[in-house]
Protein backbone atom coordinates (compact mmCIF):
# COMPACT_ATOMS: atom_id res chain seq x y z
CA UNK A 1 11.32 10.78 -31.42
CA UNK A 2 13.68 11.56 -29.28
CA UNK A 3 14.82 9.43 -26.10
CA UNK A 4 13.90 10.59 -22.93
CA UNK A 5 18.25 10.48 -21.93
CA UNK A 6 18.33 12.84 -24.91
CA UNK A 7 16.00 15.13 -24.28
CA UNK A 8 16.98 15.37 -20.60
CA UNK A 9 20.61 15.76 -21.89
CA UNK A 10 19.42 18.63 -24.57
CA UNK A 11 17.68 20.80 -21.48
CA UNK A 12 20.38 20.49 -19.10
CA UNK A 13 22.75 21.93 -21.59
CA UNK A 14 20.18 24.73 -22.52
CA UNK A 15 21.40 28.32 -22.50
CA UNK A 16 18.82 29.89 -24.74
CA UNK A 17 17.62 32.52 -22.47
CA UNK A 18 21.18 34.74 -21.57
CA UNK A 19 19.64 36.24 -18.40
CA UNK A 20 18.85 32.71 -17.01
CA UNK A 21 22.46 31.26 -18.15
CA UNK A 22 24.31 33.80 -16.41
CA UNK A 23 22.41 33.81 -13.36
CA UNK A 24 23.00 29.76 -12.89
CA UNK A 25 26.83 30.43 -14.06
CA UNK A 26 26.62 32.97 -10.74
CA UNK A 27 24.85 30.02 -8.78
CA UNK A 28 27.32 27.76 -9.65
CA UNK A 29 29.72 29.76 -8.30
CA UNK A 30 28.41 30.52 -5.58
CA UNK A 31 27.14 27.08 -4.21
CA UNK A 32 29.92 24.63 -6.04
CA UNK A 33 27.82 21.73 -4.62
CA UNK A 34 24.22 23.20 -6.06
CA UNK A 35 22.72 21.41 -9.22
CA UNK A 36 22.37 24.92 -10.61
CA UNK A 37 21.18 23.96 -14.14
CA UNK A 38 17.78 23.51 -15.90
CA UNK A 39 15.97 21.12 -13.85
CA UNK A 40 14.36 18.01 -15.94
CA UNK A 41 10.85 16.79 -15.37
CA UNK A 42 10.66 14.25 -12.22
CA UNK A 43 8.15 11.17 -12.25
CA UNK A 44 6.34 8.01 -13.60
CA UNK A 45 7.15 8.04 -17.43
CA UNK A 46 3.71 6.50 -18.32
CA UNK A 47 2.43 9.05 -16.01
CA UNK A 48 -1.65 10.29 -16.90
CA UNK A 49 -1.12 13.40 -14.39
CA UNK A 50 1.50 16.19 -15.12
CA UNK A 51 1.78 18.98 -12.32
CA UNK A 52 3.49 21.96 -13.70
CA UNK A 53 4.80 24.64 -11.53
CA UNK A 54 6.32 27.70 -12.03
CA UNK A 55 10.28 27.68 -11.88
CA UNK A 56 12.93 25.77 -9.65
CA UNK A 57 13.64 27.74 -6.30
CA UNK A 58 17.19 28.72 -5.43
CA UNK A 59 17.78 26.64 -2.38
CA UNK A 60 15.24 23.93 -3.53
CA UNK A 61 15.18 22.23 -6.90
CA UNK A 62 18.05 24.67 -8.07
CA UNK A 63 20.11 23.03 -5.33
CA UNK A 64 18.52 19.18 -5.40
CA UNK A 65 17.86 18.96 -9.25
CA UNK A 66 14.48 17.55 -8.56
CA UNK A 67 11.38 19.83 -8.99
CA UNK A 68 9.84 21.23 -5.62
CA UNK A 69 12.50 19.06 -3.61
CA UNK A 70 14.34 20.75 -0.84
CA UNK A 71 12.34 23.82 -0.02
CA UNK A 72 8.98 24.76 1.07
CA UNK A 73 7.21 24.70 -1.97
CA UNK A 74 7.35 20.79 -2.06
CA UNK A 75 6.19 20.33 1.48
CA UNK A 76 2.50 20.52 0.62
CA UNK A 77 3.09 19.01 -2.85
CA UNK A 78 4.41 15.89 -1.67
CA UNK A 79 2.51 15.37 0.99
CA UNK A 80 -0.88 15.63 -0.90
CA UNK A 81 0.41 13.52 -3.67
CA UNK A 82 1.29 10.66 -0.93
CA UNK A 83 -2.15 11.13 0.23
CA UNK A 84 -3.65 10.72 -2.90
CA UNK A 85 -1.64 7.69 -4.03
CA UNK A 86 0.55 9.25 -6.40
CA UNK A 87 3.95 9.06 -4.25
CA UNK A 88 5.35 6.27 -2.21
CA UNK A 89 6.31 8.74 0.82
CA UNK A 90 5.06 12.02 2.02
CA UNK A 91 8.41 13.98 1.99
CA UNK A 92 10.79 14.43 -0.87
CA UNK A 93 14.13 15.42 0.53
CA UNK A 94 17.01 15.02 -2.38
CA UNK A 95 17.40 13.61 -5.49
CA UNK A 96 18.95 10.25 -4.15
CA UNK A 97 16.26 9.83 -1.41
CA UNK A 98 14.51 6.78 -3.40
CA UNK A 99 11.09 8.47 -3.74
CA UNK A 100 8.82 7.25 -6.44
CA UNK A 101 5.90 8.78 -8.23
CA UNK A 102 3.34 6.51 -9.75
CA UNK A 103 1.03 8.22 -12.33
CA UNK A 104 2.40 11.18 -11.81
CA UNK A 105 5.14 13.59 -13.19
CA UNK A 106 6.25 16.73 -12.05
CA UNK A 107 7.62 19.76 -14.02
CA UNK A 108 8.00 23.32 -14.38
CA UNK A 109 6.63 26.08 -16.89
CA UNK A 110 10.33 27.51 -16.92
CA UNK A 111 13.29 25.21 -16.22
CA UNK A 112 15.90 27.38 -14.81
CA UNK A 113 16.02 29.61 -11.64
CA UNK A 114 14.96 33.11 -12.22
CA UNK A 115 16.43 35.77 -10.58
CA UNK A 116 14.00 37.04 -7.47
CA UNK A 117 11.75 33.89 -8.76
CA UNK A 118 10.19 36.15 -11.63
CA UNK A 119 11.02 34.69 -15.23
CA UNK A 120 10.40 37.42 -18.07
CA UNK A 121 7.57 36.81 -20.25
CA UNK A 122 10.25 36.01 -23.24
CA UNK A 123 11.84 33.51 -21.22
CA UNK A 124 8.51 31.83 -20.21
CA UNK A 125 7.84 31.76 -24.08
CA UNK A 126 11.41 30.34 -24.77
CA UNK A 127 10.88 27.33 -22.30
CA UNK A 128 7.29 26.64 -23.73
CA UNK A 129 9.05 24.16 -26.46
CA UNK A 130 10.00 22.03 -23.65
CA UNK A 131 6.57 21.97 -22.09
CA UNK A 132 5.22 21.30 -25.36
CA UNK A 133 7.08 18.34 -26.07
CA UNK A 134 6.28 17.01 -22.53
CA UNK A 135 2.52 17.52 -23.09
CA UNK A 136 3.00 15.57 -26.64
CA UNK A 137 2.67 12.62 -24.41
CA UNK A 138 -0.61 10.86 -24.92
CA UNK A 139 -0.71 9.06 -22.00
CA UNK A 140 -1.39 12.68 -20.25
CA UNK A 141 -5.03 13.11 -19.39
CA UNK A 142 -5.20 15.59 -16.53
CA UNK A 143 -2.73 18.50 -15.95
CA UNK A 144 -2.34 20.40 -12.89
CA UNK A 145 -1.39 24.09 -12.78
CA UNK A 146 0.32 25.48 -9.91
CA UNK A 147 -0.33 29.26 -10.26
CA UNK A 148 -1.34 31.79 -12.95
CA UNK A 149 1.93 31.51 -15.14
CA UNK A 150 1.93 27.69 -15.21
CA UNK A 151 -1.65 27.36 -16.25
CA UNK A 152 -1.07 30.16 -19.35
CA UNK A 153 2.00 28.13 -20.19
CA UNK A 154 0.17 24.70 -20.10
CA UNK A 155 -2.49 26.37 -22.77
CA UNK A 156 0.31 28.15 -25.17
CA UNK A 157 2.18 24.56 -25.01
CA UNK A 158 -0.97 22.78 -26.07
CA UNK A 159 -1.72 25.60 -28.85
CA UNK A 160 -4.56 27.25 -26.94
CA UNK A 161 -5.35 30.77 -26.09
CA UNK A 162 -5.29 31.29 -22.36
CA UNK A 163 -7.63 33.89 -22.80
CA UNK A 164 -10.24 31.39 -23.25
CA UNK A 165 -9.37 29.53 -19.99
CA UNK A 166 -9.50 31.87 -17.27
CA UNK A 167 -7.55 31.02 -14.25
CA UNK A 168 -9.18 30.45 -10.80
CA UNK A 169 -7.97 28.10 -7.91
CA UNK A 170 -10.13 25.06 -7.92
CA UNK A 171 -11.21 25.56 -12.19
CA UNK A 172 -11.39 22.54 -14.06
CA UNK A 173 -11.64 23.16 -17.70
CA UNK A 174 -12.11 20.48 -20.41
CA UNK A 175 -9.64 20.96 -23.40
CA UNK A 176 -10.56 20.21 -27.02
CA UNK A 177 -8.40 17.19 -27.35
CA UNK A 178 -10.62 15.37 -24.48
CA UNK A 179 -8.07 16.02 -21.24
CA UNK A 180 -8.62 18.31 -18.76
CA UNK A 181 -6.63 21.28 -17.02
CA UNK A 182 -7.01 21.65 -13.55
CA UNK A 183 -6.23 25.21 -11.67
CA UNK A 184 -4.60 25.45 -7.98
CA UNK A 185 -2.86 28.39 -6.47
CA UNK A 186 0.86 27.73 -6.20
CA UNK A 187 1.74 26.07 -3.02
CA UNK A 188 4.42 28.33 -2.20
CA UNK A 189 5.63 29.45 1.47
CA UNK A 190 3.77 32.89 1.26
CA UNK A 191 0.49 31.49 0.07
CA UNK A 192 0.39 28.63 2.43
CA UNK A 193 1.52 30.93 5.28
CA UNK A 194 -0.84 33.76 4.25
CA UNK A 195 -3.38 30.77 4.25
CA UNK A 196 -4.23 31.93 0.62
CA UNK A 197 -3.78 28.10 0.12
CA UNK A 198 -4.70 25.58 2.85
CA UNK A 199 -3.91 22.03 2.84
CA UNK A 200 -7.72 21.36 2.66
CA UNK A 201 -8.26 23.71 -0.39
CA UNK A 202 -5.10 21.85 -2.08
CA UNK A 203 -6.58 18.37 -1.37
CA UNK A 204 -9.93 19.42 -2.77
CA UNK A 205 -8.31 20.03 -5.97
CA UNK A 206 -6.69 16.66 -5.80
CA UNK A 207 -9.99 14.92 -4.87
CA UNK A 208 -11.72 16.67 -8.27
CA UNK A 209 -9.14 15.78 -10.46
CA UNK A 210 -8.66 12.25 -9.39
CA UNK A 211 -11.80 10.66 -10.69
CA UNK A 212 -10.45 12.33 -14.33
CA UNK A 213 -7.87 9.53 -14.30
CA UNK A 214 -10.42 6.77 -14.70
């Protein structure tokens, strides 16, 4: 089994998707100070909760190198993680801000910044091996999928058919291996500003999943 450092190094060097690799090269040229590479998972190496998002945002994780850090999408996520005891502070500003997660790890279905925030189906499939490796960790008991793409990617990574588990905000799925998959709308700027996802509705999902961790 590869060490975490070896796995992170392999991910950072990944150029399997030509469109995404080209997009990242252009981002590095336009923004020399940005991370602008595949974004590795962040959090507790012994976590029982894995939060799965869609992909890095241009001026968020693509800039900082940490999932959901530095853009609007992370505001509600880190605030809620802190409220439920998974983070030692309510705001994630930069990869070097000292924030620590406890019993939680955050990742994305697609590790590279996609043009217009829309990865193509082939890119989602190509990246699924990284998610499968993360989910091979037996410590993980609960997966929280933020959005339909993350929901389907997590199921494929577990060798399950997405059609057998319908996505719906607040849904709880008991999986064959004894784990649980919870669904939420993504905490994007669009969803939170249109009130499709309210802080209360997001907290309800965490309140439901917390007991599943024991």
